[in-house]
Every structure is written in C-alpha cells, then in structure tokens.
All heavy atoms as atom14 arrays in JSON, in Angstrom:
{
  "sequence": "QKWVDTLAWEKKHHATAERLSAALDQVDIGIVLLDSDTRAEFINRA",
  "atom14_mask": [
    [1, 1, 1, 1, 1, 1, 1, 1, 1, 0, 0, 0, 0, 0],
    [1, 1, 1, 1, 1, 1, 1, 1, 1, 0, 0, 0, 0, 0],
    [1, 1, 1, 1, 1, 1, 1, 1, 1, 1, 1, 1, 1, 1],
    [1, 1, 1, 1, 1, 1, 1, 0, 0, 0, 0, 0, 0, 0],
    [1, 1, 1, 1, 1, 1, 1, 1, 0, 0, 0, 0, 0, 0],
    [1, 1, 1, 1, 1, 1, 1, 0, 0, 0, 0, 0, 0, 0],
    [1, 1, 1, 1, 1, 1, 1, 1, 0, 0, 0, 0, 0, 0],
    [1, 1, 1, 1, 1, 0, 0, 0, 0, 0, 0, 0, 0, 0],
    [1, 1, 1, 1, 1, 1, 1, 1, 1, 1, 1, 1, 1, 1],
    [1, 1, 1, 1, 1, 1, 1, 1, 1, 0, 0, 0, 0, 0],
    [1, 1, 1, 1, 1, 1, 1, 1, 1, 0, 0, 0, 0, 0],
    [1, 1, 1, 1, 1, 1, 1, 1, 1, 0, 0, 0, 0, 0],
    [1, 1, 1, 1, 1, 1, 1, 1, 1, 1, 0, 0, 0, 0],
    [1, 1, 1, 1, 1, 1, 1, 1, 1, 1, 0, 0, 0, 0],
    [1, 1, 1, 1, 1, 0, 0, 0, 0, 0, 0, 0, 0, 0],
    [1, 1, 1, 1, 1, 1, 1, 0, 0, 0, 0, 0, 0, 0],
    [1, 1, 1, 1, 1, 0, 0, 0, 0, 0, 0, 0, 0, 0],
    [1, 1, 1, 1, 1, 1, 1, 1, 1, 0, 0, 0, 0, 0],
    [1, 1, 1, 1, 1, 1, 1, 1, 1, 1, 1, 0, 0, 0],
    [1, 1, 1, 1, 1, 1, 1, 1, 0, 0, 0, 0, 0, 0],
    [1, 1, 1, 1, 1, 1, 0, 0, 0, 0, 0, 0, 0, 0],
    [1, 1, 1, 1, 1, 0, 0, 0, 0, 0, 0, 0, 0, 0],
    [1, 1, 1, 1, 1, 0, 0, 0, 0, 0, 0, 0, 0, 0],
    [1, 1, 1, 1, 1, 1, 1, 1, 0, 0, 0, 0, 0, 0],
    [1, 1, 1, 1, 1, 1, 1, 1, 0, 0, 0, 0, 0, 0],
    [1, 1, 1, 1, 1, 1, 1, 1, 1, 0, 0, 0, 0, 0],
    [1, 1, 1, 1, 1, 1, 1, 0, 0, 0, 0, 0, 0, 0],
    [1, 1, 1, 1, 1, 1, 1, 1, 0, 0, 0, 0, 0, 0],
    [1, 1, 1, 1, 1, 1, 1, 1, 0, 0, 0, 0, 0, 0],
    [1, 1, 1, 1, 0, 0, 0, 0, 0, 0, 0, 0, 0, 0],
    [1, 1, 1, 1, 1, 1, 1, 1, 0, 0, 0, 0, 0, 0],
    [1, 1, 1, 1, 1, 1, 1, 0, 0, 0, 0, 0, 0, 0],
    [1, 1, 1, 1, 1, 1, 1, 1, 0, 0, 0, 0, 0, 0],
    [1, 1, 1, 1, 1, 1, 1, 1, 0, 0, 0, 0, 0, 0],
    [1, 1, 1, 1, 1, 1, 1, 1, 0, 0, 0, 0, 0, 0],
    [1, 1, 1, 1, 1, 1, 0, 0, 0, 0, 0, 0, 0, 0],
    [1, 1, 1, 1, 1, 1, 1, 1, 0, 0, 0, 0, 0, 0],
    [1, 1, 1, 1, 1, 1, 1, 0, 0, 0, 0, 0, 0, 0],
    [1, 1, 1, 1, 1, 1, 1, 1, 1, 1, 1, 0, 0, 0],
    [1, 1, 1, 1, 1, 0, 0, 0, 0, 0, 0, 0, 0, 0],
    [1, 1, 1, 1, 1, 1, 1, 1, 1, 0, 0, 0, 0, 0],
    [1, 1, 1, 1, 1, 1, 1, 1, 1, 1, 1, 0, 0, 0],
    [1, 1, 1, 1, 1, 1, 1, 1, 0, 0, 0, 0, 0, 0],
    [1, 1, 1, 1, 1, 1, 1, 1, 0, 0, 0, 0, 0, 0],
    [1, 1, 1, 1, 1, 1, 1, 1, 1, 1, 1, 0, 0, 0],
    [1, 1, 1, 1, 1, 0, 0, 0, 0, 0, 0, 0, 0, 0]
  ],
  "atom14_positions": [
    [[153.17, 181.37, 76.39], [153.5, 180.77, 75.11], [153.27, 179.27, 75.13], [152.77, 178.68, 74.16], [154.96, 181.07, 74.76], [155.36, 180.63, 73.35], [154.52, 181.3, 72.29], [154.35, 182.52, 72.31], [153.99, 180.53, 71.35], [0.0, 0.0, 0.0], [0.0, 0.0, 0.0], [0.0, 0.0, 0.0], [0.0, 0.0, 0.0], [0.0, 0.0, 0.0]],
    [[153.61, 178.64, 76.26], [153.38, 177.2, 76.38], [151.9, 176.9, 76.33], [151.47, 175.93, 75.69], [153.98, 176.69, 77.7], [153.86, 175.18, 77.87], [154.52, 174.72, 79.15], [154.4, 173.2, 79.29], [155.05, 172.72, 80.55], [0.0, 0.0, 0.0], [0.0, 0.0, 0.0], [0.0, 0.0, 0.0], [0.0, 0.0, 0.0], [0.0, 0.0, 0.0]],
    [[151.09, 177.72, 77.0], [149.64, 177.52, 76.98], [149.08, 177.71, 75.57], [148.23, 176.93, 75.13], [149.0, 178.51, 77.95], [147.51, 178.45, 77.95], [146.71, 177.52, 78.57], [146.62, 179.34, 77.27], [145.39, 177.79, 78.34], [145.29, 178.9, 77.54], [146.81, 180.48, 76.49], [144.18, 179.56, 77.04], [145.69, 181.13, 75.98], [144.41, 180.67, 76.26]],
    [[149.57, 178.74, 74.86], [149.1, 179.0, 73.5], [149.47, 177.83, 72.58], [148.66, 177.38, 71.77], [149.69, 180.32, 72.96], [149.44, 180.46, 71.47], [149.09, 181.51, 73.7], [0.0, 0.0, 0.0], [0.0, 0.0, 0.0], [0.0, 0.0, 0.0], [0.0, 0.0, 0.0], [0.0, 0.0, 0.0], [0.0, 0.0, 0.0], [0.0, 0.0, 0.0]],
    [[150.71, 177.32, 72.72], [151.14, 176.19, 71.89], [150.31, 174.94, 72.18], [149.95, 174.19, 71.27], [152.63, 175.9, 72.13], [153.53, 177.01, 71.6], [153.06, 177.82, 70.78], [154.7, 177.07, 72.03], [0.0, 0.0, 0.0], [0.0, 0.0, 0.0], [0.0, 0.0, 0.0], [0.0, 0.0, 0.0], [0.0, 0.0, 0.0], [0.0, 0.0, 0.0]],
    [[150.03, 174.71, 73.48], [149.22, 173.54, 73.85], [147.81, 173.66, 73.3], [147.24, 172.68, 72.79], [149.15, 173.41, 75.39], [150.48, 173.25, 75.9], [148.32, 172.22, 75.78], [0.0, 0.0, 0.0], [0.0, 0.0, 0.0], [0.0, 0.0, 0.0], [0.0, 0.0, 0.0], [0.0, 0.0, 0.0], [0.0, 0.0, 0.0], [0.0, 0.0, 0.0]],
    [[147.25, 174.86, 73.37], [145.9, 175.07, 72.84], [145.87, 174.85, 71.33], [144.93, 174.23, 70.81], [145.44, 176.49, 73.18], [143.98, 176.83, 72.84], [143.03, 175.95, 73.65], [143.69, 178.3, 73.12], [0.0, 0.0, 0.0], [0.0, 0.0, 0.0], [0.0, 0.0, 0.0], [0.0, 0.0, 0.0], [0.0, 0.0, 0.0], [0.0, 0.0, 0.0]],
    [[146.9, 175.33, 70.64], [146.96, 175.15, 69.18], [147.1, 173.67, 68.83], [146.48, 173.18, 67.88], [148.12, 175.95, 68.6], [0.0, 0.0, 0.0], [0.0, 0.0, 0.0], [0.0, 0.0, 0.0], [0.0, 0.0, 0.0], [0.0, 0.0, 0.0], [0.0, 0.0, 0.0], [0.0, 0.0, 0.0], [0.0, 0.0, 0.0], [0.0, 0.0, 0.0]],
    [[147.93, 172.95, 69.61], [148.11, 171.51, 69.36], [146.81, 170.77, 69.59], [146.44, 169.89, 68.8], [149.19, 170.96, 70.27], [149.45, 169.49, 70.05], [150.29, 168.92, 69.15], [148.8, 168.4, 70.74], [150.23, 167.55, 69.24], [149.33, 167.2, 70.2], [147.86, 168.33, 71.75], [148.93, 165.96, 70.65], [147.46, 167.08, 72.2], [148.0, 165.91, 71.65]],
    [[146.1, 171.1, 70.69], [144.84, 170.43, 70.97], [143.81, 170.72, 69.89], [143.03, 169.84, 69.51], [144.31, 170.86, 72.34], [145.13, 170.32, 73.51], [144.56, 170.73, 74.84], [143.66, 171.6, 74.87], [145.02, 170.2, 75.87], [0.0, 0.0, 0.0], [0.0, 0.0, 0.0], [0.0, 0.0, 0.0], [0.0, 0.0, 0.0], [0.0, 0.0, 0.0]],
    [[143.79, 171.96, 69.41], [142.85, 172.31, 68.34], [143.15, 171.52, 67.07], [142.25, 171.0, 66.41], [142.93, 173.81, 68.07], [141.91, 174.31, 67.06], [142.0, 175.81, 66.9], [140.96, 176.32, 65.88], [141.05, 177.79, 65.71], [0.0, 0.0, 0.0], [0.0, 0.0, 0.0], [0.0, 0.0, 0.0], [0.0, 0.0, 0.0], [0.0, 0.0, 0.0]],
    [[144.45, 171.42, 66.74], [144.84, 170.66, 65.56], [144.53, 169.17, 65.74], [144.04, 168.5, 64.82], [146.33, 170.86, 65.29], [146.85, 170.13, 64.06], [148.33, 170.39, 63.85], [148.85, 169.64, 62.63], [150.31, 169.88, 62.41], [0.0, 0.0, 0.0], [0.0, 0.0, 0.0], [0.0, 0.0, 0.0], [0.0, 0.0, 0.0], [0.0, 0.0, 0.0]],
    [[144.82, 168.65, 66.93], [144.55, 167.24, 67.22], [143.05, 166.96, 67.14], [142.64, 165.91, 66.6], [145.08, 166.9, 68.62], [144.87, 165.48, 69.02], [145.59, 164.44, 68.47], [144.01, 164.9, 69.9], [145.2, 163.3, 69.0], [144.23, 163.55, 69.87], [0.0, 0.0, 0.0], [0.0, 0.0, 0.0], [0.0, 0.0, 0.0], [0.0, 0.0, 0.0]],
    [[142.24, 167.87, 67.66], [140.79, 167.69, 67.61], [140.29, 167.7, 66.17], [139.43, 166.89, 65.8], [140.11, 168.81, 68.41], [138.62, 168.71, 68.42], [137.93, 167.75, 69.13], [137.66, 169.46, 67.79], [136.63, 167.91, 68.95], [136.44, 168.92, 68.14], [0.0, 0.0, 0.0], [0.0, 0.0, 0.0], [0.0, 0.0, 0.0], [0.0, 0.0, 0.0]],
    [[140.84, 168.61, 65.36], [140.44, 168.67, 63.95], [140.83, 167.39, 63.22], [140.05, 166.86, 62.41], [141.07, 169.88, 63.27], [0.0, 0.0, 0.0], [0.0, 0.0, 0.0], [0.0, 0.0, 0.0], [0.0, 0.0, 0.0], [0.0, 0.0, 0.0], [0.0, 0.0, 0.0], [0.0, 0.0, 0.0], [0.0, 0.0, 0.0], [0.0, 0.0, 0.0]],
    [[142.02, 166.86, 63.53], [142.45, 165.6, 62.91], [141.55, 164.45, 63.33], [141.17, 163.6, 62.5], [143.91, 165.29, 63.31], [144.76, 166.36, 62.89], [144.39, 163.99, 62.68], [0.0, 0.0, 0.0], [0.0, 0.0, 0.0], [0.0, 0.0, 0.0], [0.0, 0.0, 0.0], [0.0, 0.0, 0.0], [0.0, 0.0, 0.0], [0.0, 0.0, 0.0]],
    [[141.18, 164.42, 64.61], [140.29, 163.36, 65.1], [138.92, 163.45, 64.44], [138.31, 162.42, 64.11], [140.15, 163.46, 66.63], [0.0, 0.0, 0.0], [0.0, 0.0, 0.0], [0.0, 0.0, 0.0], [0.0, 0.0, 0.0], [0.0, 0.0, 0.0], [0.0, 0.0, 0.0], [0.0, 0.0, 0.0], [0.0, 0.0, 0.0], [0.0, 0.0, 0.0]],
    [[138.45, 164.67, 64.23], [137.15, 164.85, 63.56], [137.21, 164.34, 62.12], [136.28, 163.68, 61.64], [136.77, 166.33, 63.59], [136.36, 166.86, 64.95], [135.02, 166.33, 65.38], [134.22, 165.97, 64.51], [134.77, 166.26, 66.6], [0.0, 0.0, 0.0], [0.0, 0.0, 0.0], [0.0, 0.0, 0.0], [0.0, 0.0, 0.0], [0.0, 0.0, 0.0]],
    [[138.31, 164.65, 61.42], [138.45, 164.18, 60.03], [138.56, 162.66, 59.98], [137.99, 162.01, 59.09], [139.67, 164.83, 59.38], [139.51, 166.32, 59.09], [140.57, 166.8, 58.12], [141.9, 166.65, 58.66], [142.52, 167.58, 59.39], [141.9, 168.73, 59.66], [143.73, 167.39, 59.84], [0.0, 0.0, 0.0], [0.0, 0.0, 0.0], [0.0, 0.0, 0.0]],
    [[139.31, 162.08, 60.93], [139.46, 160.62, 60.97], [138.13, 159.95, 61.26], [137.77, 158.94, 60.64], [140.49, 160.23, 62.03], [140.75, 158.73, 62.21], [141.24, 158.12, 60.91], [141.76, 158.5, 63.32], [0.0, 0.0, 0.0], [0.0, 0.0, 0.0], [0.0, 0.0, 0.0], [0.0, 0.0, 0.0], [0.0, 0.0, 0.0], [0.0, 0.0, 0.0]],
    [[137.37, 160.52, 62.2], [136.05, 159.98, 62.52], [135.13, 160.03, 61.3], [134.43, 159.05, 61.01], [135.44, 160.77, 63.69], [134.14, 160.33, 63.96], [0.0, 0.0, 0.0], [0.0, 0.0, 0.0], [0.0, 0.0, 0.0], [0.0, 0.0, 0.0], [0.0, 0.0, 0.0], [0.0, 0.0, 0.0], [0.0, 0.0, 0.0], [0.0, 0.0, 0.0]],
    [[135.15, 161.15, 60.59], [134.31, 161.28, 59.39], [134.74, 160.28, 58.33], [133.89, 159.69, 57.63], [134.39, 162.7, 58.85], [0.0, 0.0, 0.0], [0.0, 0.0, 0.0], [0.0, 0.0, 0.0], [0.0, 0.0, 0.0], [0.0, 0.0, 0.0], [0.0, 0.0, 0.0], [0.0, 0.0, 0.0], [0.0, 0.0, 0.0], [0.0, 0.0, 0.0]],
    [[136.06, 160.06, 58.19], [136.55, 159.11, 57.19], [136.14, 157.68, 57.54], [135.72, 156.9, 56.66], [138.07, 159.2, 57.08], [0.0, 0.0, 0.0], [0.0, 0.0, 0.0], [0.0, 0.0, 0.0], [0.0, 0.0, 0.0], [0.0, 0.0, 0.0], [0.0, 0.0, 0.0], [0.0, 0.0, 0.0], [0.0, 0.0, 0.0], [0.0, 0.0, 0.0]],
    [[136.22, 157.31, 58.82], [135.86, 155.96, 59.23], [134.37, 155.69, 59.07], [133.95, 154.54, 58.95], [136.29, 155.71, 60.68], [137.79, 155.61, 60.93], [138.09, 155.44, 62.4], [138.4, 154.47, 60.13], [0.0, 0.0, 0.0], [0.0, 0.0, 0.0], [0.0, 0.0, 0.0], [0.0, 0.0, 0.0], [0.0, 0.0, 0.0], [0.0, 0.0, 0.0]],
    [[133.57, 156.76, 59.08], [132.14, 156.59, 58.86], [131.8, 156.32, 57.4], [130.66, 155.96, 57.08], [131.38, 157.83, 59.34], [131.05, 157.76, 60.82], [130.97, 156.64, 61.36], [130.88, 158.82, 61.45], [0.0, 0.0, 0.0], [0.0, 0.0, 0.0], [0.0, 0.0, 0.0], [0.0, 0.0, 0.0], [0.0, 0.0, 0.0], [0.0, 0.0, 0.0]],
    [[132.77, 156.49, 56.51], [132.52, 156.29, 55.08], [132.87, 154.89, 54.6], [132.49, 154.5, 53.49], [133.32, 157.32, 54.26], [133.02, 158.77, 54.6], [131.56, 159.12, 54.43], [130.95, 158.78, 53.42], [130.99, 159.8, 55.42], [0.0, 0.0, 0.0], [0.0, 0.0, 0.0], [0.0, 0.0, 0.0], [0.0, 0.0, 0.0], [0.0, 0.0, 0.0]],
    [[133.6, 154.12, 55.39], [134.02, 152.78, 54.96], [132.96, 151.76, 55.34], [132.13, 151.99, 56.22], [135.38, 152.4, 55.59], [136.45, 153.4, 55.19], [135.28, 152.34, 57.12], [0.0, 0.0, 0.0], [0.0, 0.0, 0.0], [0.0, 0.0, 0.0], [0.0, 0.0, 0.0], [0.0, 0.0, 0.0], [0.0, 0.0, 0.0], [0.0, 0.0, 0.0]],
    [[133.0, 150.6, 54.66], [132.01, 149.55, 54.96], [132.53, 148.56, 55.99], [131.89, 147.54, 56.25], [131.61, 148.82, 53.68], [132.79, 148.11, 53.02], [133.94, 148.32, 53.47], [132.58, 147.36, 52.06], [0.0, 0.0, 0.0], [0.0, 0.0, 0.0], [0.0, 0.0, 0.0], [0.0, 0.0, 0.0], [0.0, 0.0, 0.0], [0.0, 0.0, 0.0]],
    [[133.68, 148.83, 56.58], [134.23, 147.99, 57.64], [133.75, 148.54, 58.99], [133.92, 149.73, 59.28], [135.77, 147.98, 57.62], [136.26, 147.42, 56.28], [136.33, 147.16, 58.77], [137.78, 147.51, 56.11], [0.0, 0.0, 0.0], [0.0, 0.0, 0.0], [0.0, 0.0, 0.0], [0.0, 0.0, 0.0], [0.0, 0.0, 0.0], [0.0, 0.0, 0.0]],
    [[133.12, 147.69, 59.79], [132.69, 148.13, 61.11], [133.9, 148.33, 62.01], [134.77, 147.47, 62.1], [0.0, 0.0, 0.0], [0.0, 0.0, 0.0], [0.0, 0.0, 0.0], [0.0, 0.0, 0.0], [0.0, 0.0, 0.0], [0.0, 0.0, 0.0], [0.0, 0.0, 0.0], [0.0, 0.0, 0.0], [0.0, 0.0, 0.0], [0.0, 0.0, 0.0]],
    [[133.98, 149.48, 62.68], [135.11, 149.81, 63.55], [134.57, 150.19, 64.93], [133.68, 151.02, 65.05], [135.94, 150.97, 63.0], [136.52, 150.63, 61.63], [137.06, 151.33, 63.99], [137.56, 149.55, 61.64], [0.0, 0.0, 0.0], [0.0, 0.0, 0.0], [0.0, 0.0, 0.0], [0.0, 0.0, 0.0], [0.0, 0.0, 0.0], [0.0, 0.0, 0.0]],
    [[135.14, 149.57, 65.97], [134.82, 149.91, 67.35], [136.14, 150.09, 68.09], [137.01, 149.22, 68.05], [133.98, 148.83, 68.04], [133.71, 149.2, 69.49], [132.67, 148.62, 67.3], [0.0, 0.0, 0.0], [0.0, 0.0, 0.0], [0.0, 0.0, 0.0], [0.0, 0.0, 0.0], [0.0, 0.0, 0.0], [0.0, 0.0, 0.0], [0.0, 0.0, 0.0]],
    [[136.29, 151.23, 68.77], [137.46, 151.48, 69.6], [137.05, 151.36, 71.07], [136.13, 152.05, 71.51], [138.04, 152.86, 69.33], [138.58, 153.11, 67.92], [139.11, 154.54, 67.8], [139.66, 152.11, 67.55], [0.0, 0.0, 0.0], [0.0, 0.0, 0.0], [0.0, 0.0, 0.0], [0.0, 0.0, 0.0], [0.0, 0.0, 0.0], [0.0, 0.0, 0.0]],
    [[137.73, 150.48, 71.8], [137.45, 150.27, 73.21], [138.57, 150.86, 74.05], [139.74, 150.82, 73.66], [137.31, 148.78, 73.53], [136.29, 147.97, 72.72], [136.36, 146.51, 73.14], [134.89, 148.52, 72.89], [0.0, 0.0, 0.0], [0.0, 0.0, 0.0], [0.0, 0.0, 0.0], [0.0, 0.0, 0.0], [0.0, 0.0, 0.0], [0.0, 0.0, 0.0]],
    [[138.23, 151.38, 75.24], [139.28, 151.83, 76.15], [139.77, 150.63, 76.96], [139.38, 149.48, 76.72], [138.76, 152.96, 77.05], [137.6, 152.54, 77.94], [137.37, 151.32, 78.09], [136.93, 153.44, 78.49], [0.0, 0.0, 0.0], [0.0, 0.0, 0.0], [0.0, 0.0, 0.0], [0.0, 0.0, 0.0], [0.0, 0.0, 0.0], [0.0, 0.0, 0.0]],
    [[140.64, 150.9, 77.94], [141.23, 149.8, 78.7], [140.21, 149.05, 79.55], [140.48, 147.95, 80.03], [142.35, 150.33, 79.6], [141.87, 151.36, 80.45], [0.0, 0.0, 0.0], [0.0, 0.0, 0.0], [0.0, 0.0, 0.0], [0.0, 0.0, 0.0], [0.0, 0.0, 0.0], [0.0, 0.0, 0.0], [0.0, 0.0, 0.0], [0.0, 0.0, 0.0]],
    [[139.03, 149.66, 79.76], [137.95, 149.0, 80.51], [136.92, 148.36, 79.57], [135.81, 148.03, 80.0], [137.25, 150.01, 81.42], [138.18, 150.53, 82.51], [139.0, 149.74, 83.01], [138.1, 151.73, 82.84], [0.0, 0.0, 0.0], [0.0, 0.0, 0.0], [0.0, 0.0, 0.0], [0.0, 0.0, 0.0], [0.0, 0.0, 0.0], [0.0, 0.0, 0.0]],
    [[137.28, 148.22, 78.3], [136.44, 147.65, 77.23], [135.13, 148.42, 77.05], [134.1, 147.85, 76.7], [136.12, 146.15, 77.47], [135.25, 146.0, 78.59], [137.39, 145.34, 77.69], [0.0, 0.0, 0.0], [0.0, 0.0, 0.0], [0.0, 0.0, 0.0], [0.0, 0.0, 0.0], [0.0, 0.0, 0.0], [0.0, 0.0, 0.0], [0.0, 0.0, 0.0]],
    [[135.19, 149.72, 77.28], [134.03, 150.58, 77.0], [134.25, 151.26, 75.65], [135.35, 151.75, 75.37], [133.87, 151.63, 78.11], [132.64, 152.52, 77.95], [132.45, 153.4, 79.15], [132.04, 152.63, 80.31], [130.78, 152.3, 80.59], [129.8, 152.66, 79.77], [130.5, 151.59, 81.66], [0.0, 0.0, 0.0], [0.0, 0.0, 0.0], [0.0, 0.0, 0.0]],
    [[133.22, 151.3, 74.82], [133.35, 151.82, 73.46], [133.53, 153.34, 73.47], [132.66, 154.07, 73.95], [132.11, 151.44, 72.65], [0.0, 0.0, 0.0], [0.0, 0.0, 0.0], [0.0, 0.0, 0.0], [0.0, 0.0, 0.0], [0.0, 0.0, 0.0], [0.0, 0.0, 0.0], [0.0, 0.0, 0.0], [0.0, 0.0, 0.0], [0.0, 0.0, 0.0]],
    [[134.66, 153.8, 72.93], [134.9, 155.23, 72.8], [134.48, 155.74, 71.42], [134.19, 156.92, 71.27], [136.38, 155.53, 73.01], [136.87, 155.26, 74.42], [138.3, 155.68, 74.62], [139.13, 155.39, 73.72], [138.61, 156.3, 75.65], [0.0, 0.0, 0.0], [0.0, 0.0, 0.0], [0.0, 0.0, 0.0], [0.0, 0.0, 0.0], [0.0, 0.0, 0.0]],
    [[134.45, 154.84, 70.44], [134.05, 155.23, 69.09], [133.42, 154.03, 68.4], [133.95, 152.91, 68.46], [135.25, 155.73, 68.29], [134.95, 155.95, 66.83], [134.29, 157.1, 66.41], [135.31, 155.01, 65.87], [133.99, 157.31, 65.07], [135.03, 155.22, 64.52], [134.36, 156.37, 64.12], [0.0, 0.0, 0.0], [0.0, 0.0, 0.0], [0.0, 0.0, 0.0]],
    [[132.29, 154.25, 67.75], [131.62, 153.21, 66.96], [131.23, 153.84, 65.63], [130.49, 154.83, 65.61], [130.35, 152.69, 67.67], [130.72, 152.11, 69.04], [129.66, 151.64, 66.82], [129.52, 151.68, 69.86], [0.0, 0.0, 0.0], [0.0, 0.0, 0.0], [0.0, 0.0, 0.0], [0.0, 0.0, 0.0], [0.0, 0.0, 0.0], [0.0, 0.0, 0.0]],
    [[131.75, 153.3, 64.54], [131.49, 153.96, 63.25], [130.13, 153.56, 62.68], [129.41, 152.71, 63.2], [132.63, 153.68, 62.26], [132.56, 152.3, 61.64], [132.0, 151.37, 62.22], [133.14, 152.15, 60.47], [0.0, 0.0, 0.0], [0.0, 0.0, 0.0], [0.0, 0.0, 0.0], [0.0, 0.0, 0.0], [0.0, 0.0, 0.0], [0.0, 0.0, 0.0]],
    [[129.79, 154.2, 61.57], [128.47, 154.05, 60.98], [128.21, 152.61, 60.51], [127.11, 152.08, 60.65], [128.33, 155.02, 59.81], [127.0, 154.97, 59.08], [125.83, 155.26, 59.99], [126.02, 156.49, 60.76], [125.25, 156.85, 61.77], [124.24, 156.07, 62.15], [125.48, 157.97, 62.42], [0.0, 0.0, 0.0], [0.0, 0.0, 0.0], [0.0, 0.0, 0.0]],
    [[129.24, 151.96, 59.94], [129.04, 150.61, 59.41], [128.63, 149.64, 60.51], [127.72, 148.82, 60.34], [130.31, 150.13, 58.72], [0.0, 0.0, 0.0], [0.0, 0.0, 0.0], [0.0, 0.0, 0.0], [0.0, 0.0, 0.0], [0.0, 0.0, 0.0], [0.0, 0.0, 0.0], [0.0, 0.0, 0.0], [0.0, 0.0, 0.0], [0.0, 0.0, 0.0]]
  ]
}
C-alpha cells in the first residue's frame, strides 16, 4: 500500500510538473531553474 501510494503521488507530481512546465513556456518572461551546482534543470521557451 505504501508503494502504491508513493507511485500515485509521483505520478500526480509528475503531471503537475508537466503542466507547470507547459505553462511557463507560454509566458514572455525568461525562466531558468538552476540546481545547487548552478546547472540548469529547466529553461523555458522565452
């Protein structure tokens, strides 16, 4: 049950991240997300 709940949470989290990524690609503000080593994890379309 714990594994099933974790899988469902990860699936929901992934879907939310996909929607957020798609939304950030629609704005005219350039967005870059860096990790703690200053490597780009996300760069939007703008």
